Protein backbone atom coordinates (compact mmCIF):
# COMPACT_ATOMS: atom_id res chain seq x y z
CA ASP A 1 83.58 6.61 93.53
CA GLY A 2 83.14 10.35 93.81
CA GLU A 3 80.87 13.24 94.65
CA LEU A 4 78.77 14.92 91.97
CA ILE A 5 79.45 18.64 92.30
CA HIS A 6 77.89 20.12 89.11
CA ILE A 7 75.39 19.16 86.41
CA ALA A 8 75.05 21.29 83.27
CA ASN A 9 71.70 23.00 82.79
CA ASP A 10 71.44 21.88 79.16
CA ALA A 11 71.97 18.48 77.56
CA ILE A 12 74.20 17.96 74.55
CA GLU A 13 73.89 15.28 71.87
CA ASP A 14 76.80 12.90 71.51
CA GLU A 15 76.99 10.87 68.27
CA LYS A 16 77.75 7.64 70.12
CA LEU A 17 76.02 8.10 73.48
CA GLY A 18 72.94 10.12 72.53
CA ILE A 19 71.70 12.87 74.84
CA VAL A 20 74.12 13.50 77.72
CA TYR A 21 74.68 16.08 80.45
CA GLU A 22 78.14 17.38 81.26
CA ILE A 23 78.93 16.85 84.93
CA LYS A 24 81.79 17.56 87.29
CA VAL A 25 82.76 14.88 89.79
CA LYS A 26 85.10 15.22 92.75
CA PRO A 27 86.86 11.84 93.07
CA LEU A 28 87.18 10.29 96.51
CA LYS A 29 90.71 9.12 95.66
CA THR A 30 93.48 10.91 93.74
CA THR A 31 95.00 7.72 92.29
CA LEU A 32 93.91 4.74 90.19
CA ASN A 33 95.28 1.20 90.23
CA ILE A 34 95.78 0.24 86.57
CA ASP A 35 97.19 -3.26 86.02
CA GLY A 36 98.89 -3.16 89.42
CA GLU A 37 100.47 0.25 88.78
CA ILE A 38 99.37 3.33 90.75
CA LYS A 39 98.55 6.31 88.48
CA ASN A 40 97.66 9.83 89.59
CA ILE A 41 94.37 11.33 88.44
CA GLU A 42 95.20 14.49 86.49
CA PRO A 43 93.10 17.46 85.32
CA GLY A 44 91.65 17.01 81.85
CA MET A 45 91.34 13.22 81.99
CA SER A 46 88.14 11.93 80.40
CA VAL A 47 85.86 9.48 82.15
CA ILE A 48 82.57 7.74 81.66
CA ALA A 49 80.60 7.82 84.89
CA GLU A 50 77.31 6.36 85.98
CA VAL A 51 75.33 8.59 88.31
CA LYS A 52 73.02 6.88 90.76
CA VAL A 53 69.87 8.98 90.96
CA GLY A 54 67.64 6.65 92.90
CA LYS A 55 66.49 3.11 93.29
CA ARG A 56 64.35 1.11 90.89
CA ARG A 57 62.05 -1.76 91.57
CA VAL A 58 63.11 -5.04 89.99
CA ILE A 59 60.17 -4.99 87.56
CA GLU A 60 61.32 -1.60 86.21
CA LEU A 61 64.68 -3.09 85.26
CA PHE A 62 62.88 -5.53 82.95
CA ILE A 63 60.22 -3.17 81.61
CA TYR A 64 62.42 -0.13 80.85
CA PRO A 65 64.22 -1.66 77.79
CA ILE A 66 60.84 -2.62 76.29
CA ILE A 67 59.40 0.85 76.81
CA LYS A 68 62.55 2.45 75.36
CA TYR A 69 62.40 0.16 72.30
CA LEU A 70 58.74 0.96 71.69
CA ASP A 71 59.32 4.69 72.14
CA GLU A 72 62.24 4.72 69.68
CA GLY A 73 60.31 2.58 67.23
CA LEU A 74 57.39 4.99 67.23
CA SER A 75 59.53 8.12 66.85
CA VAL A 76 61.64 6.91 63.88
CA ARG A 77 59.97 7.25 60.47
């Protein structure tokens, strides 16, 4: 867990992930428990983070993948 402190103004395209925004997160803890061993979080470490931006209704969780599939199918030629 952490606090989102900065979001880039512009998105960048990642070959594997698609369109992404660079963010800066302030972690709530300075250590991680990896296989029972405590490791310090150090500057420059890479992470993949999910940012919670709101709540969705249950129906949206089922419909979103369908809409995304249709949108991608229509845009690829």
